[in-house]
Amino acid sequence: MKKFAAIAAAFGLLAMTLTGCASTGASTSAQATPENPMVLTLAHGLSESHTVHIAMMEFAERVEEGTNGRIQVKIFPNGQLGSETENMEQLMAGVIAMTKVSAPGLATYNEAYHTFGLPYLFDDTEDFYNKMDSQEMRDFFLSTGDDGFVTITYYTSGARSFYTKDKPIRTPADLKGLKIRVQDMSSQTDMMEALGGVPVTMSYGDVYTSLQTGIIDGAESNETALTTGKHGEVCKVFSFDEHAMIPDVLVMSAQIWDNISPEDQQVILEAAYASTDSHKVAWDAAIDEAIEEAKNDMGVTFVEDVDKEAFREATSAMVDEYCARYPGVQQLVDLINSAE
């Protein structure tokens, strides 16, 4: 019932603003004109100040410019149409055209997306960008039409590391017995158990209070959590183990995608890739600012002498298990390892 309520709510809001369709005006890009454009709805839960929202605004502008106004993207930020999960359900039901989700969330629809939640898939940020920007990855992103969606591009959300109130995490042994908040996905809870910690899943909004009250001993995220989430007021040690790089992805309904001409599809892809490149620059600046603020204003210590190889070894069996359990994961891991 909750799923249907979310879809109904989205229909209601869209009915007031866009006549209630995932795309309005022309039903195909071939029929679209500047006077009667194809309008694509894009819903997401981020604020309008978030770097990913700003990147998607650039994407929308480039699409409109590249198609001479024949295709327009109308963005609904701030969770106006529901949660990330609800937005994806709405996309699959044909209520909205596009949304932004954390990549592992798509595993519900295609098991290969479990891969993006696994630890130590990439050597470092440069390797992450090289593999994610490869033609092999772009081909994979567009190969899931039979599952009801295609991925247009990705946006980095940085490397995730552990941070605690006062204990440096240099090896997996340092996590033994610690209650660490992780995202509510099986790959993250399994990773935490493999490392000897106690995984605790909770909403991001509950993390600050849980750190204050001792319900959890720490969490894992990128550096911006210290500042935007104010976690640096409680947690004073951030250890650069960089165990995961979980991208956000920009997803479109396969049905809508098929109603767009190959020429216009290429315009959309080029606009998406350009917005990804712009976001990399904005993300690097946001990380630099977060580190400086956390150091200077919050007194956070950043630990760099972390034994990443020990973390990789401790989680390797878990990664192998996922590859054995999900053939799609094995295929995508092989693609990542071979991509250039």
C-alpha atoms as a PDB file:
ATOM      1  CA  MET A   1       0.000   0.000   0.000  1.00  0.00           C
ATOM      2  CA  LYS A   2       2.897   2.371   0.758  1.00  0.00           C
ATOM      3  CA  LYS A   3       4.262   1.807  -2.744  1.00  0.00           C
ATOM      4  CA  PHE A   4       0.917   2.594  -4.342  1.00  0.00           C
ATOM      5  CA  ALA A   5       0.510   5.646  -2.103  1.00  0.00           C
ATOM      6  CA  ALA A   6       3.865   7.018  -3.244  1.00  0.00           C
ATOM      7  CA  ILE A   7       2.935   6.515  -6.880  1.00  0.00           C
ATOM      8  CA  ALA A   8      -0.474   8.087  -6.346  1.00  0.00           C
ATOM      9  CA  ALA A   9       1.080  11.070  -4.581  1.00  0.00           C
ATOM     10  CA  ALA A  10       3.490  11.564  -7.437  1.00  0.00           C
ATOM     11  CA  PHE A  11       0.655  11.387  -9.928  1.00  0.00           C
ATOM     12  CA  GLY A  12      -1.230  14.005  -7.948  1.00  0.00           C
ATOM     13  CA  LEU A  13       1.622  16.491  -7.834  1.00  0.00           C
ATOM     14  CA  LEU A  14       2.532  15.947 -11.450  1.00  0.00           C
ATOM     15  CA  ALA A  15      -1.087  16.355 -12.451  1.00  0.00           C
ATOM     16  CA  MET A  16      -1.009  19.852 -11.002  1.00  0.00           C
ATOM     17  CA  THR A  17       2.248  20.756 -12.715  1.00  0.00           C
ATOM     18  CA  LEU A  18       2.804  18.589 -15.758  1.00  0.00           C
ATOM     19  CA  THR A  19      -0.556  16.925 -16.492  1.00  0.00           C
ATOM     20  CA  GLY A  20       0.554  13.719 -14.748  1.00  0.00           C
ATOM     21  CA  CYS A  21       2.865  12.028 -17.253  1.00  0.00           C
ATOM     22  CA  ALA A  22       6.482  10.930 -17.126  1.00  0.00           C
ATOM     23  CA  SER A  23       7.002  13.011 -20.252  1.00  0.00           C
ATOM     24  CA  THR A  24       4.568  15.676 -21.384  1.00  0.00           C
ATOM     25  CA  GLY A  25       4.013  17.563 -24.598  1.00  0.00           C
ATOM     26  CA  ALA A  26       5.276  15.500 -27.525  1.00  0.00           C
ATOM     27  CA  SER A  27       5.331  11.775 -26.769  1.00  0.00           C
ATOM     28  CA  THR A  28       8.436  11.154 -28.865  1.00  0.00           C
ATOM     29  CA  SER A  29      11.430  13.337 -29.568  1.00  0.00           C
ATOM     30  CA  ALA A  30      10.773  13.026 -33.304  1.00  0.00           C
ATOM     31  CA  GLN A  31       7.439  14.791 -32.812  1.00  0.00           C
ATOM     32  CA  ALA A  32       8.840  17.426 -30.467  1.00  0.00           C
ATOM     33  CA  THR A  33       9.213  21.071 -31.410  1.00  0.00           C
ATOM     34  CA  PRO A  34      10.280  24.134 -29.421  1.00  0.00           C
ATOM     35  CA  GLU A  35       6.610  25.077 -29.263  1.00  0.00           C
ATOM     36  CA  ASN A  36       5.532  21.572 -28.207  1.00  0.00           C
ATOM     37  CA  PRO A  37       8.586  20.072 -26.470  1.00  0.00           C
ATOM     38  CA  MET A  38       9.036  16.667 -24.940  1.00  0.00           C
ATOM     39  CA  VAL A  39       9.270  17.406 -21.207  1.00  0.00           C
ATOM     40  CA  LEU A  40      11.019  14.828 -19.027  1.00  0.00           C
ATOM     41  CA  THR A  41      10.382  14.826 -15.279  1.00  0.00           C
ATOM     42  CA  LEU A  42      13.392  14.172 -13.032  1.00  0.00           C
ATOM     43  CA  ALA A  43      12.751  13.653  -9.306  1.00  0.00           C
ATOM     44  CA  HIS A  44      15.330  13.262  -6.569  1.00  0.00           C
ATOM     45  CA  GLY A  45      15.758  13.749  -2.816  1.00  0.00           C
ATOM     46  CA  LEU A  46      18.745  16.095  -2.686  1.00  0.00           C
ATOM     47  CA  SER A  47      18.717  19.763  -1.767  1.00  0.00           C
ATOM     48  CA  GLU A  48      19.150  22.444  -4.389  1.00  0.00           C
ATOM     49  CA  SER A  49      22.580  23.301  -2.962  1.00  0.00           C
ATOM     50  CA  HIS A  50      23.922  19.745  -3.377  1.00  0.00           C
ATOM     51  CA  THR A  51      26.665  19.309  -5.964  1.00  0.00           C
ATOM     52  CA  VAL A  52      24.724  16.516  -7.702  1.00  0.00           C
ATOM     53  CA  HIS A  53      21.611  18.681  -8.059  1.00  0.00           C
ATOM     54  CA  ILE A  54      23.750  21.441  -9.535  1.00  0.00           C
ATOM     55  CA  ALA A  55      25.233  18.925 -11.988  1.00  0.00           C
ATOM     56  CA  MET A  56      21.761  17.767 -12.991  1.00  0.00           C
ATOM     57  CA  MET A  57      20.723  21.378 -13.554  1.00  0.00           C
ATOM     58  CA  GLU A  58      23.654  21.680 -15.963  1.00  0.00           C
ATOM     59  CA  PHE A  59      22.521  18.450 -17.617  1.00  0.00           C
ATOM     60  CA  ALA A  60      19.011  19.865 -18.105  1.00  0.00           C
ATOM     61  CA  GLU A  61      20.376  23.085 -19.570  1.00  0.00           C
ATOM     62  CA  ARG A  62      22.626  21.213 -21.991  1.00  0.00           C
ATOM     63  CA  VAL A  63      19.768  18.958 -23.127  1.00  0.00           C
ATOM     64  CA  GLU A  64      17.513  21.917 -23.846  1.00  0.00           C
ATOM     65  CA  GLU A  65      20.298  23.772 -25.637  1.00  0.00           C
ATOM     66  CA  GLY A  66      21.441  20.719 -27.598  1.00  0.00           C
ATOM     67  CA  THR A  67      17.945  19.963 -28.862  1.00  0.00           C
ATOM     68  CA  ASN A  68      17.034  23.617 -29.529  1.00  0.00           C
ATOM     69  CA  GLY A  69      14.341  23.413 -26.867  1.00  0.00           C
ATOM     70  CA  ARG A  70      12.646  20.309 -28.286  1.00  0.00           C
ATOM     71  CA  ILE A  71      13.483  18.266 -25.163  1.00  0.00           C
ATOM     72  CA  GLN A  72      13.298  19.803 -21.715  1.00  0.00           C
ATOM     73  CA  VAL A  73      14.076  18.309 -18.306  1.00  0.00           C
ATOM     74  CA  LYS A  74      11.974  19.519 -15.357  1.00  0.00           C
ATOM     75  CA  ILE A  75      13.601  18.749 -12.002  1.00  0.00           C
ATOM     76  CA  PHE A  76      11.751  18.100  -8.725  1.00  0.00           C
ATOM     77  CA  PRO A  77      14.384  18.226  -5.910  1.00  0.00           C
ATOM     78  CA  ASN A  78      14.092  17.934  -2.119  1.00  0.00           C
ATOM     79  CA  GLY A  79      12.084  14.711  -2.162  1.00  0.00           C
ATOM     80  CA  GLN A  80       9.001  16.500  -3.466  1.00  0.00           C
ATOM     81  CA  LEU A  81       7.851  13.258  -5.097  1.00  0.00           C
ATOM     82  CA  GLY A  82       8.998  10.902  -2.357  1.00  0.00           C
ATOM     83  CA  SER A  83      12.071   8.965  -1.262  1.00  0.00           C
ATOM     84  CA  GLU A  84      14.767   7.542  -3.514  1.00  0.00           C
ATOM     85  CA  THR A  85      13.113   4.127  -3.428  1.00  0.00           C
ATOM     86  CA  GLU A  86       9.708   5.639  -4.169  1.00  0.00           C
ATOM     87  CA  ASN A  87      11.122   7.662  -7.059  1.00  0.00           C
ATOM     88  CA  MET A  88      12.526   4.498  -8.602  1.00  0.00           C
ATOM     89  CA  GLU A  89       9.180   2.762  -8.196  1.00  0.00           C
ATOM     90  CA  GLN A  90       7.518   5.748  -9.866  1.00  0.00           C
ATOM     91  CA  LEU A  91       9.981   5.556 -12.746  1.00  0.00           C
ATOM     92  CA  MET A  92       9.287   1.854 -13.238  1.00  0.00           C
ATOM     93  CA  ALA A  93       5.539   2.569 -13.148  1.00  0.00           C
ATOM     94  CA  GLY A  94       5.887   5.291 -15.784  1.00  0.00           C
ATOM     95  CA  VAL A  95       4.975   8.161 -13.476  1.00  0.00           C
ATOM     96  CA  ILE A  96       8.315   9.992 -13.810  1.00  0.00           C
ATOM     97  CA  ALA A  97      10.937   9.821 -16.548  1.00  0.00           C
ATOM     98  CA  MET A  98      14.186  10.112 -14.584  1.00  0.00           C
ATOM     99  CA  THR A  99      15.639   9.940 -11.104  1.00  0.00           C
ATOM    100  CA  LYS A 100      18.937   9.850  -9.195  1.00  0.00           C
ATOM    101  CA  VAL A 101      19.652   6.826  -7.017  1.00  0.00           C
ATOM    102  CA  SER A 102      22.597   5.280  -5.237  1.00  0.00           C
ATOM    103  CA  ALA A 103      23.852   2.628  -7.670  1.00  0.00           C
ATOM    104  CA  PRO A 104      23.431  -0.443  -5.386  1.00  0.00           C
ATOM    105  CA  GLY A 105      19.745   0.459  -5.021  1.00  0.00           C
ATOM    106  CA  LEU A 106      19.226  -0.723  -8.586  1.00  0.00           C
ATOM    107  CA  ALA A 107      20.113  -4.303  -7.601  1.00  0.00           C
ATOM    108  CA  THR A 108      16.388  -4.818  -6.993  1.00  0.00           C
ATOM    109  CA  TYR A 109      15.959  -4.584 -10.753  1.00  0.00           C
ATOM    110  CA  ASN A 110      19.337  -5.872 -11.992  1.00  0.00           C
ATOM    111  CA  GLU A 111      21.575  -7.968  -9.729  1.00  0.00           C
ATOM    112  CA  ALA A 112      24.788  -6.658 -11.309  1.00  0.00           C
ATOM    113  CA  TYR A 113      24.270  -3.376  -9.456  1.00  0.00           C
ATOM    114  CA  HIS A 114      25.154  -5.129  -6.177  1.00  0.00           C
ATOM    115  CA  THR A 115      28.702  -4.724  -7.467  1.00  0.00           C
ATOM    116  CA  PHE A 116      28.817  -1.008  -6.745  1.00  0.00           C
ATOM    117  CA  GLY A 117      28.391  -1.628  -3.010  1.00  0.00           C
ATOM    118  CA  LEU A 118      31.363  -3.975  -2.759  1.00  0.00           C
ATOM    119  CA  PRO A 119      34.607  -2.898  -1.071  1.00  0.00           C
ATOM    120  CA  TYR A 120      37.858  -2.163  -2.869  1.00  0.00           C
ATOM    121  CA  LEU A 121      36.603  -2.476  -6.447  1.00  0.00           C
ATOM    122  CA  PHE A 122      38.871   0.394  -7.432  1.00  0.00           C
ATOM    123  CA  ASP A 123      42.489   1.138  -6.566  1.00  0.00           C
ATOM    124  CA  ASP A 124      41.965   4.857  -6.013  1.00  0.00           C
ATOM    125  CA  THR A 125      39.958   7.825  -7.293  1.00  0.00           C
ATOM    126  CA  GLU A 126      41.850   7.982 -10.585  1.00  0.00           C
ATOM    127  CA  ASP A 127      41.155   4.299 -11.202  1.00  0.00           C
ATOM    128  CA  PHE A 128      37.489   4.840 -10.278  1.00  0.00           C
ATOM    129  CA  TYR A 129      37.115   7.613 -12.852  1.00  0.00           C
ATOM    130  CA  ASN A 130      38.970   5.656 -15.540  1.00  0.00           C
ATOM    131  CA  LYS A 131      36.751   2.600 -15.104  1.00  0.00           C
ATOM    132  CA  MET A 132      33.482   4.515 -14.690  1.00  0.00           C
ATOM    133  CA  ASP A 133      34.176   6.666 -17.779  1.00  0.00           C
ATOM    134  CA  SER A 134      35.208   3.698 -19.925  1.00  0.00           C
ATOM    135  CA  GLN A 135      33.224   2.695 -22.989  1.00  0.00           C
ATOM    136  CA  GLU A 136      32.712  -0.719 -21.428  1.00  0.00           C
ATOM    137  CA  MET A 137      30.935   0.816 -18.420  1.00  0.00           C
ATOM    138  CA  ARG A 138      28.863   3.140 -20.606  1.00  0.00           C
ATOM    139  CA  ASP A 139      27.757   0.168 -22.680  1.00  0.00           C
ATOM    140  CA  PHE A 140      26.769  -1.695 -19.514  1.00  0.00           C
ATOM    141  CA  PHE A 141      24.783   1.299 -18.263  1.00  0.00           C
ATOM    142  CA  LEU A 142      22.708   1.298 -21.456  1.00  0.00           C
ATOM    143  CA  SER A 143      22.245  -2.490 -21.564  1.00  0.00           C
ATOM    144  CA  THR A 144      19.460  -2.803 -18.977  1.00  0.00           C
ATOM    145  CA  GLY A 145      16.482  -1.717 -21.085  1.00  0.00           C
ATOM    146  CA  ASP A 146      14.800  -5.093 -20.612  1.00  0.00           C
ATOM    147  CA  ASP A 147      14.858  -4.400 -16.851  1.00  0.00           C
ATOM    148  CA  GLY A 148      12.851  -1.210 -17.371  1.00  0.00           C
ATOM    149  CA  PHE A 149      15.583   1.415 -17.032  1.00  0.00           C
ATOM    150  CA  VAL A 150      18.852   2.653 -18.491  1.00  0.00           C
ATOM    151  CA  THR A 151      21.596   4.559 -16.692  1.00  0.00           C
ATOM    152  CA  ILE A 152      22.588   7.791 -18.400  1.00  0.00           C
ATOM    153  CA  THR A 153      25.625   8.661 -16.291  1.00  0.00           C
ATOM    154  CA  TYR A 154      27.089   8.535 -12.797  1.00  0.00           C
ATOM    155  CA  TYR A 155      28.108  11.133 -10.219  1.00  0.00           C
ATOM    156  CA  THR A 156      30.878  10.468  -7.730  1.00  0.00           C
ATOM    157  CA  SER A 157      30.050  10.487  -4.043  1.00  0.00           C
ATOM    158  CA  GLY A 158      33.670  10.093  -3.056  1.00  0.00           C
ATOM    159  CA  ALA A 159      35.503   7.394  -1.144  1.00  0.00           C
ATOM    160  CA  ARG A 160      33.859   6.116   2.022  1.00  0.00           C
ATOM    161  CA  SER A 161      35.985   5.767   5.169  1.00  0.00           C
ATOM    162  CA  PHE A 162      35.469   5.086   8.874  1.00  0.00           C
ATOM    163  CA  TYR A 163      35.213   7.800  11.486  1.00  0.00           C
ATOM    164  CA  THR A 164      34.802   7.403  15.250  1.00  0.00           C
ATOM    165  CA  LYS A 165      34.615   9.498  18.378  1.00  0.00           C
ATOM    166  CA  ASP A 166      38.258   9.005  19.359  1.00  0.00           C
ATOM    167  CA  LYS A 167      39.754   5.774  17.958  1.00  0.00           C
ATOM    168  CA  PRO A 168      41.909   5.642  14.808  1.00  0.00           C
ATOM    169  CA  ILE A 169      41.049   2.776  12.455  1.00  0.00           C
ATOM    170  CA  ARG A 170      44.317   1.637  10.873  1.00  0.00           C
ATOM    171  CA  THR A 171      43.620  -2.102  10.502  1.00  0.00           C
ATOM    172  CA  PRO A 172      40.494  -4.282  10.607  1.00  0.00           C
ATOM    173  CA  ALA A 173      41.449  -5.288  14.163  1.00  0.00           C
ATOM    174  CA  ASP A 174      40.707  -1.720  15.265  1.00  0.00           C
ATOM    175  CA  LEU A 175      37.047  -2.239  14.334  1.00  0.00           C
ATOM    176  CA  LYS A 176      36.569  -5.330  16.488  1.00  0.00           C
ATOM    177  CA  GLY A 177      33.407  -4.946  18.549  1.00  0.00           C
ATOM    178  CA  LEU A 178      32.710  -1.370  17.444  1.00  0.00           C
ATOM    179  CA  LYS A 179      29.131  -0.508  16.500  1.00  0.00           C
ATOM    180  CA  ILE A 180      29.361   1.242  13.141  1.00  0.00           C
ATOM    181  CA  ARG A 181      26.472   2.773  11.242  1.00  0.00           C
ATOM    182  CA  VAL A 182      26.316   1.518   7.652  1.00  0.00           C
ATOM    183  CA  GLN A 183      23.876   2.039   4.818  1.00  0.00           C
ATOM    184  CA  ASP A 184      20.938  -0.337   4.690  1.00  0.00           C
ATOM    185  CA  MET A 185      22.281  -2.623   1.973  1.00  0.00           C
ATOM    186  CA  SER A 186      23.491  -6.193   2.308  1.00  0.00           C
ATOM    187  CA  SER A 187      26.931  -5.450   0.872  1.00  0.00           C
ATOM    188  CA  GLN A 188      27.605  -2.920   3.629  1.00  0.00           C
ATOM    189  CA  THR A 189      26.423  -5.079   6.520  1.00  0.00           C
ATOM    190  CA  ASP A 190      28.341  -8.067   5.149  1.00  0.00           C
ATOM    191  CA  MET A 191      31.464  -5.933   4.728  1.00  0.00           C
ATOM    192  CA  MET A 192      31.239  -4.698   8.302  1.00  0.00           C
ATOM    193  CA  GLU A 193      30.906  -8.218   9.657  1.00  0.00           C
ATOM    194  CA  ALA A 194      33.878  -9.360   7.553  1.00  0.00           C
ATOM    195  CA  LEU A 195      35.943  -6.586   9.131  1.00  0.00           C
ATOM    196  CA  GLY A 196      34.974  -7.611  12.667  1.00  0.00           C
ATOM    197  CA  GLY A 197      32.742  -4.665  13.475  1.00  0.00           C
ATOM    198  CA  VAL A 198      29.055  -4.621  14.373  1.00  0.00           C
ATOM    199  CA  PRO A 199      26.938  -3.163  11.542  1.00  0.00           C
ATOM    200  CA  VAL A 200      24.076  -0.913  12.595  1.00  0.00           C
ATOM    201  CA  THR A 201      21.675   0.280   9.922  1.00  0.00           C
ATOM    202  CA  MET A 202      19.737   3.476  10.510  1.00  0.00           C
ATOM    203  CA  SER A 203      18.611   6.513   8.570  1.00  0.00           C
ATOM    204  CA  TYR A 204      21.264   9.155   8.004  1.00  0.00           C
ATOM    205  CA  GLY A 205      19.208  11.667   9.965  1.00  0.00           C
ATOM    206  CA  ASP A 206      19.514   9.537  13.113  1.00  0.00           C
ATOM    207  CA  VAL A 207      23.310   9.200  13.018  1.00  0.00           C
ATOM    208  CA  TYR A 208      24.228  12.413  14.854  1.00  0.00           C
ATOM    209  CA  THR A 209      22.077  11.705  17.901  1.00  0.00           C
ATOM    210  CA  SER A 210      23.125   8.049  17.926  1.00  0.00           C
ATOM    211  CA  LEU A 211      26.778   9.094  18.000  1.00  0.00           C
ATOM    212  CA  GLN A 212      26.088  11.545  20.827  1.00  0.00           C
ATOM    213  CA  THR A 213      24.251   8.999  22.949  1.00  0.00           C
ATOM    214  CA  GLY A 214      26.609   6.086  22.300  1.00  0.00           C
ATOM    215  CA  ILE A 215      24.137   3.937  20.399  1.00  0.00           C
ATOM    216  CA  ILE A 216      26.883   3.693  17.785  1.00  0.00           C
ATOM    217  CA  ASP A 217      30.640   4.168  18.094  1.00  0.00           C
ATOM    218  CA  GLY A 218      31.194   5.521  14.616  1.00  0.00           C
ATOM    219  CA  ALA A 219      30.055   5.584  11.031  1.00  0.00           C
ATOM    220  CA  GLU A 220      31.390   5.414   7.497  1.00  0.00           C
ATOM    221  CA  SER A 221      30.965   7.975   4.759  1.00  0.00           C
ATOM    222  CA  ASN A 222      32.915  10.604   2.876  1.00  0.00           C
ATOM    223  CA  GLU A 223      34.448  13.699   4.446  1.00  0.00           C
ATOM    224  CA  THR A 224      31.412  15.937   3.880  1.00  0.00           C
ATOM    225  CA  ALA A 225      29.481  13.993   6.537  1.00  0.00           C
ATOM    226  CA  LEU A 226      31.718  15.635   9.133  1.00  0.00           C
ATOM    227  CA  THR A 227      30.570  19.117   8.135  1.00  0.00           C
ATOM    228  CA  THR A 228      27.189  19.006   6.395  1.00  0.00           C
ATOM    229  CA  GLY A 229      25.988  16.317   8.796  1.00  0.00           C
ATOM    230  CA  LYS A 230      27.832  17.926  11.740  1.00  0.00           C
ATOM    231  CA  HIS A 231      29.244  14.518  12.668  1.00  0.00           C
ATOM    232  CA  GLY A 232      32.623  16.165  13.230  1.00  0.00           C
ATOM    233  CA  GLU A 233      31.164  17.771  16.347  1.00  0.00           C
ATOM    234  CA  VAL A 234      31.096  14.299  17.906  1.00  0.00           C
ATOM    235  CA  CYS A 235      33.582  12.201  15.936  1.00  0.00           C
ATOM    236  CA  LYS A 236      37.148  13.481  16.147  1.00  0.00           C
ATOM    237  CA  VAL A 237      39.041  10.836  14.149  1.00  0.00           C
ATOM    238  CA  PHE A 238      38.579  10.170  10.415  1.00  0.00           C
ATOM    239  CA  SER A 239      40.659   7.287   9.032  1.00  0.00           C
ATOM    240  CA  PHE A 240      41.317   7.141   5.273  1.00  0.00           C
ATOM    241  CA  ASP A 241      40.722   3.435   4.644  1.00  0.00           C
ATOM    242  CA  GLU A 242      38.604   4.358   1.576  1.00  0.00           C
ATOM    243  CA  HIS A 243      36.851   1.000   1.553  1.00  0.00           C
ATOM    244  CA  ALA A 244      34.158   1.821  -1.004  1.00  0.00           C
ATOM    245  CA  MET A 245      33.353   4.227  -3.812  1.00  0.00           C
ATOM    246  CA  ILE A 246      29.595   4.070  -4.297  1.00  0.00           C
ATOM    247  CA  PRO A 247      28.403   6.268  -7.158  1.00  0.00           C
ATOM    248  CA  ASP A 248      25.077   7.947  -7.626  1.00  0.00           C
ATOM    249  CA  VAL A 249      23.522   7.222 -11.011  1.00  0.00           C
ATOM    250  CA  LEU A 250      21.136   9.149 -13.247  1.00  0.00           C
ATOM    251  CA  VAL A 251      18.475   6.736 -14.466  1.00  0.00           C
ATOM    252  CA  MET A 252      15.837   6.995 -17.193  1.00  0.00           C
ATOM    253  CA  SER A 253      12.765   4.886 -17.915  1.00  0.00           C
ATOM    254  CA  ALA A 254      13.578   2.496 -20.767  1.00  0.00           C
ATOM    255  CA  GLN A 255      10.183   3.174 -22.299  1.00  0.00           C
ATOM    256  CA  ILE A 256      10.919   6.909 -22.424  1.00  0.00           C
ATOM    257  CA  TRP A 257      14.453   6.276 -23.698  1.00  0.00           C
ATOM    258  CA  ASP A 258      13.044   4.232 -26.581  1.00  0.00           C
ATOM    259  CA  ASN A 259      10.815   7.181 -27.548  1.00  0.00           C
ATOM    260  CA  ILE A 260      13.868   9.354 -28.125  1.00  0.00           C
ATOM    261  CA  SER A 261      15.602   9.302 -31.499  1.00  0.00           C
ATOM    262  CA  PRO A 262      19.200   8.020 -31.699  1.00  0.00           C
ATOM    263  CA  GLU A 263      20.372  11.541 -32.530  1.00  0.00           C
ATOM    264  CA  ASP A 264      18.637  13.008 -29.492  1.00  0.00           C
ATOM    265  CA  GLN A 265      19.818  10.120 -27.319  1.00  0.00           C
ATOM    266  CA  GLN A 266      23.373  11.096 -28.214  1.00  0.00           C
ATOM    267  CA  VAL A 267      22.685  14.718 -27.248  1.00  0.00           C
ATOM    268  CA  ILE A 268      21.339  13.529 -23.893  1.00  0.00           C
ATOM    269  CA  LEU A 269      24.347  11.285 -23.273  1.00  0.00           C
ATOM    270  CA  GLU A 270      26.835  14.006 -24.149  1.00  0.00           C
ATOM    271  CA  ALA A 271      24.995  16.409 -21.837  1.00  0.00           C
ATOM    272  CA  ALA A 272      25.086  13.806 -19.069  1.00  0.00           C
ATOM    273  CA  TYR A 273      28.798  13.065 -19.498  1.00  0.00           C
ATOM    274  CA  ALA A 274      29.611  16.786 -19.468  1.00  0.00           C
ATOM    275  CA  SER A 275      27.658  17.229 -16.231  1.00  0.00           C
ATOM    276  CA  THR A 276      29.604  14.344 -14.697  1.00  0.00           C
ATOM    277  CA  ASP A 277      32.888  16.016 -15.577  1.00  0.00           C
ATOM    278  CA  SER A 278      31.710  19.297 -14.056  1.00  0.00           C
ATOM    279  CA  HIS A 279      30.601  17.475 -10.938  1.00  0.00           C
ATOM    280  CA  LYS A 280      34.072  15.971 -10.438  1.00  0.00           C
ATOM    281  CA  VAL A 281      35.512  19.469 -10.113  1.00  0.00           C
ATOM    282  CA  ALA A 282      32.739  20.609  -7.769  1.00  0.00           C
ATOM    283  CA  TRP A 283      33.103  17.455  -5.670  1.00  0.00           C
ATOM    284  CA  ASP A 284      36.852  17.893  -5.241  1.00  0.00           C
ATOM    285  CA  ALA A 285      36.270  21.455  -4.051  1.00  0.00           C
ATOM    286  CA  ALA A 286      33.573  20.299  -1.618  1.00  0.00           C
ATOM    287  CA  ILE A 287      35.890  17.642  -0.159  1.00  0.00           C
ATOM    288  CA  ASP A 288      38.758  20.108   0.247  1.00  0.00           C
ATOM    289  CA  GLU A 289      36.450  22.561   2.010  1.00  0.00           C
ATOM    290  CA  ALA A 290      35.056  19.837   4.279  1.00  0.00           C
ATOM    291  CA  ILE A 291      38.524  18.686   5.335  1.00  0.00           C
ATOM    292  CA  GLU A 292      39.660  22.224   6.114  1.00  0.00           C
ATOM    293  CA  GLU A 293      36.523  23.005   8.107  1.00  0.00           C
ATOM    294  CA  ALA A 294      36.676  19.717  10.010  1.00  0.00           C
ATOM    295  CA  LYS A 295      40.349  20.248  10.881  1.00  0.00           C
ATOM    296  CA  ASN A 296      40.260  23.921  11.749  1.00  0.00           C
ATOM    297  CA  ASP A 297      36.786  24.421  13.218  1.00  0.00           C
ATOM    298  CA  MET A 298      35.916  20.983  14.616  1.00  0.00           C
ATOM    299  CA  GLY A 299      39.282  19.607  15.698  1.00  0.00           C
ATOM    300  CA  VAL A 300      39.025  16.430  13.627  1.00  0.00           C
ATOM    301  CA  THR A 301      42.225  14.434  13.117  1.00  0.00           C
ATOM    302  CA  PHE A 302      42.674  12.731   9.742  1.00  0.00           C
ATOM    303  CA  VAL A 303      44.572   9.445   9.826  1.00  0.00           C
ATOM    304  CA  GLU A 304      46.404   8.548   6.623  1.00  0.00           C
ATOM    305  CA  ASP A 305      48.678   5.661   7.696  1.00  0.00           C
ATOM    306  CA  VAL A 306      45.959   3.048   7.147  1.00  0.00           C
ATOM    307  CA  ASP A 307      46.797  -0.491   6.028  1.00  0.00           C
ATOM    308  CA  LYS A 308      44.425  -0.648   3.076  1.00  0.00           C
ATOM    309  CA  GLU A 309      45.827  -3.982   1.922  1.00  0.00           C
ATOM    310  CA  ALA A 310      44.762  -5.534   5.231  1.00  0.00           C
ATOM    311  CA  PHE A 311      41.218  -4.245   4.684  1.00  0.00           C
ATOM    312  CA  ARG A 312      41.234  -5.556   1.117  1.00  0.00           C
ATOM    313  CA  GLU A 313      42.378  -8.999   2.259  1.00  0.00           C
ATOM    314  CA  ALA A 314      39.791  -9.100   5.051  1.00  0.00           C
ATOM    315  CA  THR A 315      36.944  -8.449   2.612  1.00  0.00           C
ATOM    316  CA  SER A 316      38.159 -10.485  -0.370  1.00  0.00           C
ATOM    317  CA  ALA A 317      36.219 -13.622   0.631  1.00  0.00           C
ATOM    318  CA  MET A 318      33.044 -11.579   0.943  1.00  0.00           C
ATOM    319  CA  VAL A 319      33.540 -10.177  -2.583  1.00  0.00           C
ATOM    320  CA  ASP A 320      34.134 -13.698  -3.893  1.00  0.00           C
ATOM    321  CA  GLU A 321      30.911 -14.827  -2.224  1.00  0.00           C
ATOM    322  CA  TYR A 322      28.912 -12.108  -3.980  1.00  0.00           C
ATOM    323  CA  CYS A 323      30.462 -13.066  -7.309  1.00  0.00           C
ATOM    324  CA  ALA A 324      29.474 -16.691  -6.749  1.00  0.00           C
ATOM    325  CA  ARG A 325      25.962 -15.784  -5.576  1.00  0.00           C
ATOM    326  CA  TYR A 326      25.180 -13.326  -8.376  1.00  0.00           C
ATOM    327  CA  PRO A 327      26.449 -14.147 -11.891  1.00  0.00           C
ATOM    328  CA  GLY A 328      25.737 -10.552 -12.895  1.00  0.00           C
ATOM    329  CA  VAL A 329      28.132  -9.318 -10.208  1.00  0.00           C
ATOM    330  CA  GLN A 330      30.906 -11.574 -11.482  1.00  0.00           C
ATOM    331  CA  GLN A 331      30.368 -10.279 -15.014  1.00  0.00           C
ATOM    332  CA  LEU A 332      30.489  -6.647 -13.906  1.00  0.00           C
ATOM    333  CA  VAL A 333      33.545  -7.210 -11.706  1.00  0.00           C
ATOM    334  CA  ASP A 334      35.281  -8.778 -14.710  1.00  0.00           C
ATOM    335  CA  LEU A 335      34.252  -5.769 -16.826  1.00  0.00           C
ATOM    336  CA  ILE A 336      35.641  -3.349 -14.242  1.00  0.00           C
ATOM    337  CA  ASN A 337      38.914  -5.270 -14.043  1.00  0.00           C
ATOM    338  CA  SER A 338      39.310  -5.280 -17.831  1.00  0.00           C
ATOM    339  CA  ALA A 339      38.026  -1.778 -18.616  1.00  0.00           C
ATOM    340  CA  GLU A 340      40.476   0.770 -19.990  1.00  0.00           C
END
